[in-house]
PDB file of N, CA and C in Angstrom:
ATOM      1  N   MET A   1      52.696 126.517  74.123  1.00  0.00           N
ATOM      2  CA  MET A   1      53.424 125.500  73.382  1.00  0.00           C
ATOM      3  C   MET A   1      54.919 125.777  73.491  1.00  0.00           C
ATOM      4  N   THR A   2      55.671 124.735  73.586  1.00  0.00           N
ATOM      5  CA  THR A   2      57.112 124.898  73.652  1.00  0.00           C
ATOM      6  C   THR A   2      57.735 124.306  72.399  1.00  0.00           C
ATOM      7  N   ALA A   3      58.687 123.430  72.556  1.00  0.00           N
ATOM      8  CA  ALA A   3      59.394 122.860  71.415  1.00  0.00           C
ATOM      9  C   ALA A   3      58.481 122.076  70.489  1.00  0.00           C
ATOM     10  N   SER A   4      57.262 121.808  70.907  1.00  0.00           N
ATOM     11  CA  SER A   4      56.364 121.007  70.082  1.00  0.00           C
ATOM     12  C   SER A   4      55.618 121.822  69.014  1.00  0.00           C
ATOM     13  N   LEU A   5      55.789 123.144  68.972  1.00  0.00           N
ATOM     14  CA  LEU A   5      55.082 123.948  67.966  1.00  0.00           C
ATOM     15  C   LEU A   5      55.466 123.511  66.557  1.00  0.00           C
ATOM     16  N   GLN A   6      56.752 123.325  66.294  1.00  0.00           N
ATOM     17  CA  GLN A   6      57.197 122.876  64.969  1.00  0.00           C
ATOM     18  C   GLN A   6      56.621 121.498  64.657  1.00  0.00           C
ATOM     19  N   ALA A   7      56.653 120.597  65.630  1.00  0.00           N
ATOM     20  CA  ALA A   7      56.111 119.257  65.421  1.00  0.00           C
ATOM     21  C   ALA A   7      54.613 119.311  65.143  1.00  0.00           C
ATOM     22  N   HIS A   8      53.905 120.180  65.842  1.00  0.00           N
ATOM     23  CA  HIS A   8      52.469 120.329  65.638  1.00  0.00           C
ATOM     24  C   HIS A   8      52.162 120.820  64.216  1.00  0.00           C
ATOM     25  N   VAL A   9      52.900 121.819  63.764  1.00  0.00           N
ATOM     26  CA  VAL A   9      52.687 122.374  62.426  1.00  0.00           C
ATOM     27  C   VAL A   9      53.005 121.320  61.361  1.00  0.00           C
ATOM     28  N   ARG A  10      54.092 120.594  61.546  1.00  0.00           N
ATOM     29  CA  ARG A  10      54.457 119.532  60.588  1.00  0.00           C
ATOM     30  C   ARG A  10      53.389 118.440  60.558  1.00  0.00           C
ATOM     31  N   ALA A  11      52.932 118.012  61.711  1.00  0.00           N
ATOM     32  CA  ALA A  11      51.916 116.961  61.769  1.00  0.00           C
ATOM     33  C   ALA A  11      50.644 117.404  61.072  1.00  0.00           C
ATOM     34  N   PHE A  12      50.259 118.656  61.266  1.00  0.00           N
ATOM     35  CA  PHE A  12      49.073 119.185  60.606  1.00  0.00           C
ATOM     36  C   PHE A  12      49.239 119.129  59.091  1.00  0.00           C
ATOM     37  N   ALA A  13      50.380 119.587  58.602  1.00  0.00           N
ATOM     38  CA  ALA A  13      50.622 119.617  57.150  1.00  0.00           C
ATOM     39  C   ALA A  13      50.522 118.222  56.547  1.00  0.00           C
ATOM     40  N   PHE A  14      51.155 117.243  57.182  1.00  0.00           N
ATOM     41  CA  PHE A  14      51.177 115.908  56.615  1.00  0.00           C
ATOM     42  C   PHE A  14      49.877 115.136  56.830  1.00  0.00           C
ATOM     43  N   ALA A  15      48.971 115.676  57.641  1.00  0.00           N
ATOM     44  CA  ALA A  15      47.662 115.053  57.838  1.00  0.00           C
ATOM     45  C   ALA A  15      46.640 115.520  56.796  1.00  0.00           C
ATOM     46  N   LEU A  16      46.972 116.529  56.010  1.00  0.00           N
ATOM     47  CA  LEU A  16      46.048 117.006  54.971  1.00  0.00           C
ATOM     48  C   LEU A  16      45.916 115.934  53.889  1.00  0.00           C
ATOM     49  N   PRO A  17      44.769 115.890  53.199  1.00  0.00           N
ATOM     50  CA  PRO A  17      44.532 114.823  52.214  1.00  0.00           C
ATOM     51  C   PRO A  17      45.651 114.690  51.185  1.00  0.00           C
ATOM     52  N   GLU A  18      46.193 113.488  51.105  1.00  0.00           N
ATOM     53  CA  GLU A  18      47.227 113.099  50.151  1.00  0.00           C
ATOM     54  C   GLU A  18      48.516 113.904  50.262  1.00  0.00           C
ATOM     55  N   ALA A  19      48.746 114.543  51.401  1.00  0.00           N
ATOM     56  CA  ALA A  19      50.013 115.247  51.624  1.00  0.00           C
ATOM     57  C   ALA A  19      51.096 114.220  51.904  1.00  0.00           C
ATOM     58  N   TRP A  20      52.291 114.512  51.454  1.00  0.00           N
ATOM     59  CA  TRP A  20      53.414 113.609  51.675  1.00  0.00           C
ATOM     60  C   TRP A  20      54.714 114.396  51.790  1.00  0.00           C
ATOM     61  N   GLU A  21      55.699 113.774  52.428  1.00  0.00           N
ATOM     62  CA  GLU A  21      56.975 114.433  52.649  1.00  0.00           C
ATOM     63  C   GLU A  21      57.961 114.046  51.556  1.00  0.00           C
ATOM     64  N   ASP A  22      58.683 115.049  51.086  1.00  0.00           N
ATOM     65  CA  ASP A  22      59.747 114.833  50.120  1.00  0.00           C
ATOM     66  C   ASP A  22      60.975 115.571  50.643  1.00  0.00           C
ATOM     67  N   HIS A  23      62.138 115.272  50.062  1.00  0.00           N
ATOM     68  CA  HIS A  23      63.391 115.886  50.514  1.00  0.00           C
ATOM     69  C   HIS A  23      64.224 116.393  49.340  1.00  0.00           C
ATOM     70  N   PRO A  24      63.658 117.267  48.503  1.00  0.00           N
ATOM     71  CA  PRO A  24      64.485 117.839  47.435  1.00  0.00           C
ATOM     72  C   PRO A  24      65.534 118.745  48.064  1.00  0.00           C
ATOM     73  N   TRP A  25      66.680 118.818  47.482  1.00  0.00           N
ATOM     74  CA  TRP A  25      67.754 119.690  47.977  1.00  0.00           C
ATOM     75  C   TRP A  25      68.145 119.362  49.419  1.00  0.00           C
ATOM     76  N   GLY A  26      67.787 118.182  49.907  1.00  0.00           N
ATOM     77  CA  GLY A  26      68.130 117.791  51.269  1.00  0.00           C
ATOM     78  C   GLY A  26      67.273 118.445  52.341  1.00  0.00           C
ATOM     79  N   GLU A  27      66.187 119.084  51.953  1.00  0.00           N
ATOM     80  CA  GLU A  27      65.305 119.759  52.899  1.00  0.00           C
ATOM     81  C   GLU A  27      63.931 119.106  52.895  1.00  0.00           C
ATOM     82  N   SER A  28      63.240 119.189  54.023  1.00  0.00           N
ATOM     83  CA  SER A  28      61.904 118.629  54.145  1.00  0.00           C
ATOM     84  C   SER A  28      60.869 119.582  53.545  1.00  0.00           C
ATOM     85  N   VAL A  29      60.009 119.038  52.688  1.00  0.00           N
ATOM     86  CA  VAL A  29      58.894 119.799  52.145  1.00  0.00           C
ATOM     87  C   VAL A  29      57.635 118.955  52.237  1.00  0.00           C
ATOM     88  N   ALA A  30      56.494 119.628  52.286  1.00  0.00           N
ATOM     89  CA  ALA A  30      55.204 118.954  52.216  1.00  0.00           C
ATOM     90  C   ALA A  30      54.662 119.178  50.817  1.00  0.00           C
ATOM     91  N   LYS A  31      54.233 118.087  50.181  1.00  0.00           N
ATOM     92  CA  LYS A  31      53.697 118.160  48.822  1.00  0.00           C
ATOM     93  C   LYS A  31      52.305 117.562  48.784  1.00  0.00           C
ATOM     94  N   VAL A  32      51.554 118.027  47.806  1.00  0.00           N
ATOM     95  CA  VAL A  32      50.306 117.378  47.423  1.00  0.00           C
ATOM     96  C   VAL A  32      50.439 117.167  45.924  1.00  0.00           C
ATOM     97  N   GLY A  33      50.338 115.909  45.496  1.00  0.00           N
ATOM     98  CA  GLY A  33      50.690 115.598  44.124  1.00  0.00           C
ATOM     99  C   GLY A  33      52.168 115.895  43.948  1.00  0.00           C
ATOM    100  N   LYS A  34      52.493 116.655  42.914  1.00  0.00           N
ATOM    101  CA  LYS A  34      53.889 117.020  42.668  1.00  0.00           C
ATOM    102  C   LYS A  34      54.214 118.426  43.148  1.00  0.00           C
ATOM    103  N   LYS A  35      53.253 119.104  43.759  1.00  0.00           N
ATOM    104  CA  LYS A  35      53.420 120.509  44.130  1.00  0.00           C
ATOM    105  C   LYS A  35      53.741 120.682  45.612  1.00  0.00           C
ATOM    106  N   VAL A  36      54.745 121.499  45.886  1.00  0.00           N
ATOM    107  CA  VAL A  36      55.120 121.834  47.252  1.00  0.00           C
ATOM    108  C   VAL A  36      54.129 122.852  47.805  1.00  0.00           C
ATOM    109  N   PHE A  37      53.664 122.622  49.025  1.00  0.00           N
ATOM    110  CA  PHE A  37      52.841 123.643  49.669  1.00  0.00           C
ATOM    111  C   PHE A  37      53.471 124.168  50.956  1.00  0.00           C
ATOM    112  N   VAL A  38      54.498 123.496  51.476  1.00  0.00           N
ATOM    113  CA  VAL A  38      55.251 124.012  52.628  1.00  0.00           C
ATOM    114  C   VAL A  38      56.701 123.569  52.509  1.00  0.00           C
ATOM    115  N   PHE A  39      57.606 124.518  52.724  1.00  0.00           N
ATOM    116  CA  PHE A  39      59.029 124.221  52.865  1.00  0.00           C
ATOM    117  C   PHE A  39      59.336 124.259  54.360  1.00  0.00           C
ATOM    118  N   PHE A  40      59.858 123.151  54.905  1.00  0.00           N
ATOM    119  CA  PHE A  40      60.225 123.118  56.317  1.00  0.00           C
ATOM    120  C   PHE A  40      61.721 123.317  56.529  1.00  0.00           C
ATOM    121  N   GLY A  41      62.526 123.124  55.528  1.00  0.00           N
ATOM    122  CA  GLY A  41      63.965 123.309  55.661  1.00  0.00           C
ATOM    123  C   GLY A  41      64.676 122.038  56.073  1.00  0.00           C
ATOM    124  N   ALA A  42      65.957 122.187  56.376  1.00  0.00           N
ATOM    125  CA  ALA A  42      66.799 121.030  56.673  1.00  0.00           C
ATOM    126  C   ALA A  42      66.906 120.729  58.156  1.00  0.00           C
ATOM    127  N   ASP A  43      66.710 121.730  58.987  1.00  0.00           N
ATOM    128  CA  ASP A  43      66.954 121.554  60.417  1.00  0.00           C
ATOM    129  C   ASP A  43      65.667 121.608  61.228  1.00  0.00           C
ATOM    130  N   GLU A  44      65.592 120.745  62.216  1.00  0.00           N
ATOM    131  CA  GLU A  44      64.484 120.771  63.165  1.00  0.00           C
ATOM    132  C   GLU A  44      64.716 121.910  64.155  1.00  0.00           C
ATOM    133  N   SER A  45      63.661 122.574  64.547  1.00  0.00           N
ATOM    134  CA  SER A  45      63.766 123.674  65.506  1.00  0.00           C
ATOM    135  C   SER A  45      64.175 123.148  66.874  1.00  0.00           C
ATOM    136  N   LEU A  46      65.191 123.770  67.446  1.00  0.00           N
ATOM    137  CA  LEU A  46      65.632 123.385  68.789  1.00  0.00           C
ATOM    138  C   LEU A  46      65.217 124.406  69.840  1.00  0.00           C
ATOM    139  N   ASP A  47      64.783 125.580  69.398  1.00  0.00           N
ATOM    140  CA  ASP A  47      64.473 126.658  70.338  1.00  0.00           C
ATOM    141  C   ASP A  47      62.972 126.886  70.518  1.00  0.00           C
ATOM    142  N   GLY A  48      62.156 125.969  70.001  1.00  0.00           N
ATOM    143  CA  GLY A  48      60.713 126.094  70.180  1.00  0.00           C
ATOM    144  C   GLY A  48      60.018 126.884  69.102  1.00  0.00           C
ATOM    145  N   THR A  49      60.773 127.457  68.168  1.00  0.00           N
ATOM    146  CA  THR A  49      60.131 128.204  67.082  1.00  0.00           C
ATOM    147  C   THR A  49      59.581 127.247  66.038  1.00  0.00           C
ATOM    148  N   ALA A  50      58.640 127.741  65.256  1.00  0.00           N
ATOM    149  CA  ALA A  50      58.138 127.001  64.101  1.00  0.00           C
ATOM    150  C   ALA A  50      58.661 127.730  62.870  1.00  0.00           C
ATOM    151  N   ASN A  51      59.432 127.029  62.058  1.00  0.00           N
ATOM    152  CA  ASN A  51      60.038 127.619  60.879  1.00  0.00           C
ATOM    153  C   ASN A  51      59.540 126.919  59.628  1.00  0.00           C
ATOM    154  N   PHE A  52      58.988 127.700  58.709  1.00  0.00           N
ATOM    155  CA  PHE A  52      58.508 127.148  57.444  1.00  0.00           C
ATOM    156  C   PHE A  52      58.233 128.280  56.470  1.00  0.00           C
ATOM    157  N   SER A  53      58.047 127.905  55.203  1.00  0.00           N
ATOM    158  CA  SER A  53      57.618 128.853  54.181  1.00  0.00           C
ATOM    159  C   SER A  53      56.353 128.302  53.552  1.00  0.00           C
ATOM    160  N   ALA A  54      55.378 129.189  53.341  1.00  0.00           N
ATOM    161  CA  ALA A  54      54.088 128.783  52.797  1.00  0.00           C
ATOM    162  C   ALA A  54      53.580 129.824  51.807  1.00  0.00           C
ATOM    163  N   LYS A  55      52.759 129.362  50.884  1.00  0.00           N
ATOM    164  CA  LYS A  55      52.142 130.234  49.883  1.00  0.00           C
ATOM    165  C   LYS A  55      50.854 130.803  50.478  1.00  0.00           C
ATOM    166  N   LEU A  56      50.772 132.139  50.595  1.00  0.00           N
ATOM    167  CA  LEU A  56      49.625 132.772  51.249  1.00  0.00           C
ATOM    168  C   LEU A  56      48.962 133.787  50.319  1.00  0.00           C
ATOM    169  N   PRO A  57      48.192 133.308  49.349  1.00  0.00           N
ATOM    170  CA  PRO A  57      47.566 134.239  48.410  1.00  0.00           C
ATOM    171  C   PRO A  57      46.553 135.173  49.055  1.00  0.00           C
ATOM    172  N   THR A  58      45.930 134.758  50.149  1.00  0.00           N
ATOM    173  CA  THR A  58      44.922 135.573  50.825  1.00  0.00           C
ATOM    174  C   THR A  58      45.508 136.327  52.027  1.00  0.00           C
ATOM    175  N   SER A  59      46.298 135.654  52.831  1.00  0.00           N
ATOM    176  CA  SER A  59      46.799 136.222  54.090  1.00  0.00           C
ATOM    177  C   SER A  59      48.173 136.878  53.974  1.00  0.00           C
ATOM    178  N   TYR A  60      48.683 137.047  52.777  1.00  0.00           N
ATOM    179  CA  TYR A  60      50.045 137.544  52.586  1.00  0.00           C
ATOM    180  C   TYR A  60      50.308 138.860  53.322  1.00  0.00           C
ATOM    181  N   GLU A  61      49.473 139.850  53.087  1.00  0.00           N
ATOM    182  CA  GLU A  61      49.701 141.173  53.694  1.00  0.00           C
ATOM    183  C   GLU A  61      49.634 141.100  55.219  1.00  0.00           C
ATOM    184  N   GLU A  62      48.652 140.386  55.728  1.00  0.00           N
ATOM    185  CA  GLU A  62      48.498 140.216  57.177  1.00  0.00           C
ATOM    186  C   GLU A  62      49.730 139.523  57.776  1.00  0.00           C
ATOM    187  N   ALA A  63      50.180 138.471  57.123  1.00  0.00           N
ATOM    188  CA  ALA A  63      51.342 137.732  57.623  1.00  0.00           C
ATOM    189  C   ALA A  63      52.602 138.592  57.576  1.00  0.00           C
ATOM    190  N   MET A  64      52.774 139.341  56.503  1.00  0.00           N
ATOM    191  CA  MET A  64      53.987 140.147  56.353  1.00  0.00           C
ATOM    192  C   MET A  64      54.048 141.310  57.344  1.00  0.00           C
ATOM    193  N   ALA A  65      52.942 141.637  57.968  1.00  0.00           N
ATOM    194  CA  ALA A  65      52.920 142.708  58.972  1.00  0.00           C
ATOM    195  C   ALA A  65      53.463 142.236  60.319  1.00  0.00           C
ATOM    196  N   LEU A  66      53.664 140.931  60.476  1.00  0.00           N
ATOM    197  CA  LEU A  66      54.139 140.380  61.746  1.00  0.00           C
ATOM    198  C   LEU A  66      55.665 140.410  61.807  1.00  0.00           C
ATOM    199  N   PRO A  67      56.221 140.570  63.008  1.00  0.00           N
ATOM    200  CA  PRO A  67      57.668 140.715  63.131  1.00  0.00           C
ATOM    201  C   PRO A  67      58.471 139.434  62.873  1.00  0.00           C
ATOM    202  N   PHE A  68      57.821 138.284  62.812  1.00  0.00           N
ATOM    203  CA  PHE A  68      58.545 137.032  62.641  1.00  0.00           C
ATOM    204  C   PHE A  68      58.393 136.432  61.242  1.00  0.00           C
ATOM    205  N   THR A  69      58.006 137.269  60.276  1.00  0.00           N
ATOM    206  CA  THR A  69      57.878 136.793  58.901  1.00  0.00           C
ATOM    207  C   THR A  69      58.772 137.615  57.983  1.00  0.00           C
ATOM    208  N   GLU A  70      59.064 137.035  56.832  1.00  0.00           N
ATOM    209  CA  GLU A  70      59.834 137.728  55.801  1.00  0.00           C
ATOM    210  C   GLU A  70      59.469 137.139  54.447  1.00  0.00           C
ATOM    211  N   THR A  71      59.786 137.877  53.405  1.00  0.00           N
ATOM    212  CA  THR A  71      59.526 137.334  52.079  1.00  0.00           C
ATOM    213  C   THR A  71      60.455 136.145  51.845  1.00  0.00           C
ATOM    214  N   THR A  72      59.966 135.200  51.096  1.00  0.00           N
ATOM    215  CA  THR A  72      60.751 134.016  50.769  1.00  0.00           C
ATOM    216  C   THR A  72      61.602 134.330  49.547  1.00  0.00           C
ATOM    217  N   GLY A  73      62.843 133.932  49.590  1.00  0.00           N
ATOM    218  CA  GLY A  73      63.764 134.202  48.491  1.00  0.00           C
ATOM    219  C   GLY A  73      63.533 133.307  47.287  1.00  0.00           C
ATOM    220  N   TYR A  74      64.514 133.271  46.416  1.00  0.00           N
ATOM    221  CA  TYR A  74      64.505 132.428  45.225  1.00  0.00           C
ATOM    222  C   TYR A  74      63.360 132.763  44.278  1.00  0.00           C
ATOM    223  N   GLY A  75      62.873 134.001  44.315  1.00  0.00           N
ATOM    224  CA  GLY A  75      61.788 134.414  43.428  1.00  0.00           C
ATOM    225  C   GLY A  75      60.416 133.959  43.879  1.00  0.00           C
ATOM    226  N   LEU A  76      60.328 133.234  44.982  1.00  0.00           N
ATOM    227  CA  LEU A  76      59.031 132.738  45.453  1.00  0.00           C
ATOM    228  C   LEU A  76      58.154 133.857  46.002  1.00  0.00           C
ATOM    229  N   ASP A  77      58.767 134.980  46.390  1.00  0.00           N
ATOM    230  CA  ASP A  77      57.978 136.084  46.926  1.00  0.00           C
ATOM    231  C   ASP A  77      56.964 136.595  45.905  1.00  0.00           C
ATOM    232  N   ARG A  78      57.271 136.460  44.620  1.00  0.00           N
ATOM    233  CA  ARG A  78      56.315 136.880  43.585  1.00  0.00           C
ATOM    234  C   ARG A  78      55.032 136.043  43.640  1.00  0.00           C
ATOM    235  N   GLY A  79      55.158 134.821  44.135  1.00  0.00           N
ATOM    236  CA  GLY A  79      54.005 133.940  44.282  1.00  0.00           C
ATOM    237  C   GLY A  79      53.344 134.056  45.639  1.00  0.00           C
ATOM    238  N   ARG A  80      53.696 135.109  46.391  1.00  0.00           N
ATOM    239  CA  ARG A  80      53.135 135.371  47.716  1.00  0.00           C
ATOM    240  C   ARG A  80      53.524 134.299  48.737  1.00  0.00           C
ATOM    241  N   TRP A  81      54.760 133.828  48.637  1.00  0.00           N
ATOM    242  CA  TRP A  81      55.309 132.909  49.630  1.00  0.00           C
ATOM    243  C   TRP A  81      55.884 133.722  50.774  1.00  0.00           C
ATOM    244  N   VAL A  82      55.661 133.245  51.989  1.00  0.00           N
ATOM    245  CA  VAL A  82      56.117 133.914  53.198  1.00  0.00           C
ATOM    246  C   VAL A  82      56.948 132.920  54.012  1.00  0.00           C
ATOM    247  N   THR A  83      58.085 133.383  54.523  1.00  0.00           N
ATOM    248  CA  THR A  83      58.896 132.569  55.423  1.00  0.00           C
ATOM    249  C   THR A  83      58.574 132.989  56.850  1.00  0.00           C
ATOM    250  N   VAL A  84      58.279 131.995  57.668  1.00  0.00           N
ATOM    251  CA  VAL A  84      57.821 132.204  59.040  1.00  0.00           C
ATOM    252  C   VAL A  84      58.864 131.668  60.013  1.00  0.00           C
ATOM    253  N   HIS A  85      59.181 132.471  61.022  1.00  0.00           N
ATOM    254  CA  HIS A  85      60.027 132.058  62.147  1.00  0.00           C
ATOM    255  C   HIS A  85      59.230 132.382  63.420  1.00  0.00           C
ATOM    256  N   ALA A  86      58.172 131.620  63.636  1.00  0.00           N
ATOM    257  CA  ALA A  86      57.218 131.918  64.711  1.00  0.00           C
ATOM    258  C   ALA A  86      57.756 131.507  66.072  1.00  0.00           C
ATOM    259  N   PRO A  87      57.746 132.431  67.038  1.00  0.00           N
ATOM    260  CA  PRO A  87      58.160 132.089  68.404  1.00  0.00           C
ATOM    261  C   PRO A  87      57.268 130.991  68.990  1.00  0.00           C
ATOM    262  N   ALA A  88      57.777 130.320  69.979  1.00  0.00           N
ATOM    263  CA  ALA A  88      57.079 129.186  70.594  1.00  0.00           C
ATOM    264  C   ALA A  88      55.701 129.547  71.132  1.00  0.00           C
ATOM    265  N   ASP A  89      55.473 130.813  71.487  1.00  0.00           N
ATOM    266  CA  ASP A  89      54.178 131.203  72.050  1.00  0.00           C
ATOM    267  C   ASP A  89      53.182 131.692  70.985  1.00  0.00           C
ATOM    268  N   THR A  90      53.510 131.519  69.710  1.00  0.00           N
ATOM    269  CA  THR A  90      52.598 131.906  68.629  1.00  0.00           C
ATOM    270  C   THR A  90      51.402 130.957  68.624  1.00  0.00           C
ATOM    271  N   PRO A  91      50.189 131.491  68.463  1.00  0.00           N
ATOM    272  CA  PRO A  91      49.014 130.611  68.408  1.00  0.00           C
ATOM    273  C   PRO A  91      49.125 129.609  67.250  1.00  0.00           C
ATOM    274  N   SER A  92      49.042 128.345  67.571  1.00  0.00           N
ATOM    275  CA  SER A  92      49.196 127.319  66.538  1.00  0.00           C
ATOM    276  C   SER A  92      48.062 127.361  65.523  1.00  0.00           C
ATOM    277  N   ASP A  93      46.872 127.830  65.926  1.00  0.00           N
ATOM    278  CA  ASP A  93      45.763 127.868  64.967  1.00  0.00           C
ATOM    279  C   ASP A  93      46.037 128.843  63.825  1.00  0.00           C
ATOM    280  N   MET A  94      46.755 129.923  64.070  1.00  0.00           N
ATOM    281  CA  MET A  94      47.112 130.849  63.002  1.00  0.00           C
ATOM    282  C   MET A  94      48.079 130.167  62.035  1.00  0.00           C
ATOM    283  N   LEU A  95      49.062 129.465  62.575  1.00  0.00           N
ATOM    284  CA  LEU A  95      50.053 128.804  61.733  1.00  0.00           C
ATOM    285  C   LEU A  95      49.437 127.670  60.919  1.00  0.00           C
ATOM    286  N   THR A  96      48.571 126.895  61.541  1.00  0.00           N
ATOM    287  CA  THR A  96      47.934 125.805  60.786  1.00  0.00           C
ATOM    288  C   THR A  96      46.962 126.359  59.743  1.00  0.00           C
ATOM    289  N   ALA A  97      46.349 127.499  60.016  1.00  0.00           N
ATOM    290  CA  ALA A  97      45.498 128.141  58.998  1.00  0.00           C
ATOM    291  C   ALA A  97      46.335 128.540  57.791  1.00  0.00           C
ATOM    292  N   TRP A  98      47.546 129.025  58.029  1.00  0.00           N
ATOM    293  CA  TRP A  98      48.431 129.382  56.919  1.00  0.00           C
ATOM    294  C   TRP A  98      48.849 128.141  56.130  1.00  0.00           C
ATOM    295  N   ILE A  99      49.131 127.053  56.834  1.00  0.00           N
ATOM    296  CA  ILE A  99      49.485 125.800  56.159  1.00  0.00           C
ATOM    297  C   ILE A  99      48.315 125.344  55.286  1.00  0.00           C
ATOM    298  N   GLU A 100      47.109 125.418  55.837  1.00  0.00           N
ATOM    299  CA  GLU A 100      45.933 125.007  55.061  1.00  0.00           C
ATOM    300  C   GLU A 100      45.711 125.928  53.862  1.00  0.00           C
ATOM    301  N   GLU A 101      45.918 127.221  54.042  1.00  0.00           N
ATOM    302  CA  GLU A 101      45.774 128.163  52.925  1.00  0.00           C
ATOM    303  C   GLU A 101      46.757 127.826  51.808  1.00  0.00           C
ATOM    304  N   SER A 102      47.977 127.500  52.175  1.00  0.00           N
ATOM    305  CA  SER A 102      48.987 127.134  51.187  1.00  0.00           C
ATOM    306  C   SER A 102      48.595 125.843  50.472  1.00  0.00           C
ATOM    307  N   TYR A 103      48.116 124.880  51.228  1.00  0.00           N
ATOM    308  CA  TYR A 103      47.637 123.619  50.644  1.00  0.00           C
ATOM    309  C   TYR A 103      46.517 123.893  49.645  1.00  0.00           C
ATOM    310  N   ARG A 104      45.547 124.694  50.048  1.00  0.00           N
ATOM    311  CA  ARG A 104      44.412 125.010  49.183  1.00  0.00           C
ATOM    312  C   ARG A 104      44.846 125.743  47.910  1.00  0.00           C
ATOM    313  N   ALA A 105      45.945 126.480  47.989  1.00  0.00           N
ATOM    314  CA  ALA A 105      46.429 127.230  46.826  1.00  0.00           C
ATOM    315  C   ALA A 105      46.995 126.319  45.741  1.00  0.00           C
ATOM    316  N   VAL A 106      47.444 125.130  46.103  1.00  0.00           N
ATOM    317  CA  VAL A 106      48.082 124.255  45.109  1.00  0.00           C
ATOM    318  C   VAL A 106      47.396 122.910  44.909  1.00  0.00           C
ATOM    319  N   ALA A 107      46.531 122.495  45.827  1.00  0.00           N
ATOM    320  CA  ALA A 107      45.905 121.167  45.748  1.00  0.00           C
ATOM    321  C   ALA A 107      44.847 121.103  44.642  1.00  0.00           C
ATOM    322  N   PRO A 108      44.673 119.930  44.054  1.00  0.00           N
ATOM    323  CA  PRO A 108      43.602 119.751  43.075  1.00  0.00           C
ATOM    324  C   PRO A 108      42.229 119.978  43.708  1.00  0.00           C
ATOM    325  N   LYS A 109      41.304 120.491  42.923  1.00  0.00           N
ATOM    326  CA  LYS A 109      39.963 120.795  43.423  1.00  0.00           C
ATOM    327  C   LYS A 109      39.274 119.584  44.044  1.00  0.00           C
ATOM    328  N   ALA A 110      39.499 118.403  43.495  1.00  0.00           N
ATOM    329  CA  ALA A 110      38.867 117.200  44.035  1.00  0.00           C
ATOM    330  C   ALA A 110      39.296 116.958  45.484  1.00  0.00           C
ATOM    331  N   LEU A 111      40.553 117.230  45.798  1.00  0.00           N
ATOM    332  CA  LEU A 111      41.022 117.057  47.173  1.00  0.00           C
ATOM    333  C   LEU A 111      40.438 118.129  48.085  1.00  0.00           C
ATOM    334  N   LEU A 112      40.248 119.326  47.558  1.00  0.00           N
ATOM    335  CA  LEU A 112      39.641 120.379  48.359  1.00  0.00           C
ATOM    336  C   LEU A 112      38.213 120.020  48.749  1.00  0.00           C
ATOM    337  N   ARG A 113      37.510 119.336  47.865  1.00  0.00           N
ATOM    338  CA  ARG A 113      36.155 118.890  48.192  1.00  0.00           C
ATOM    339  C   ARG A 113      36.172 117.890  49.347  1.00  0.00           C
ATOM    340  N   THR A 114      37.190 117.021  49.384  1.00  0.00           N
ATOM    341  CA  THR A 114      37.260 116.068  50.501  1.00  0.00           C
ATOM    342  C   THR A 114      37.607 116.797  51.795  1.00  0.00           C
ATOM    343  N   LEU A 115      38.395 117.856  51.688  1.00  0.00           N
ATOM    344  CA  LEU A 115      38.751 118.645  52.866  1.00  0.00           C
ATOM    345  C   LEU A 115      37.529 119.378  53.408  1.00  0.00           C
ATOM    346  N   ASP A 116      36.699 119.876  52.523  1.00  0.00           N
ATOM    347  CA  ASP A 116      35.523 120.645  52.919  1.00  0.00           C
ATOM    348  C   ASP A 116      34.334 119.754  53.270  1.00  0.00           C
ATOM    349  N   GLY A 117      34.368 118.503  52.800  1.00  0.00           N
ATOM    350  CA  GLY A 117      33.232 117.601  52.944  1.00  0.00           C
ATOM    351  C   GLY A 117      33.017 117.170  54.329  1.00  0.00           C
TER     352      GLY A 117
END
């Protein structure tokens, strides 16, 4: 994957049940209901990387062991949020799994049933 990794990750996030894009603080975020499950930031990736922050209650330790991740600031690290700067050759299935994990962490149970159904 080249420059399309960021686009692929964004498309996946917004394809989840009832996910929608909002722009608080001038940055793109993915929400379900009123809750943010991915922060994409203000700028589109030009170098092929996928940049986002996601809540990873299960995969936090695994994700933080990778060289392209860091804790998310603004106190979000306490909630197991991870900021990702994934190189263009990062497997997209790992990144989309993280997006789905973040979605599952905040989405209403009824929506999770439609996802699993």
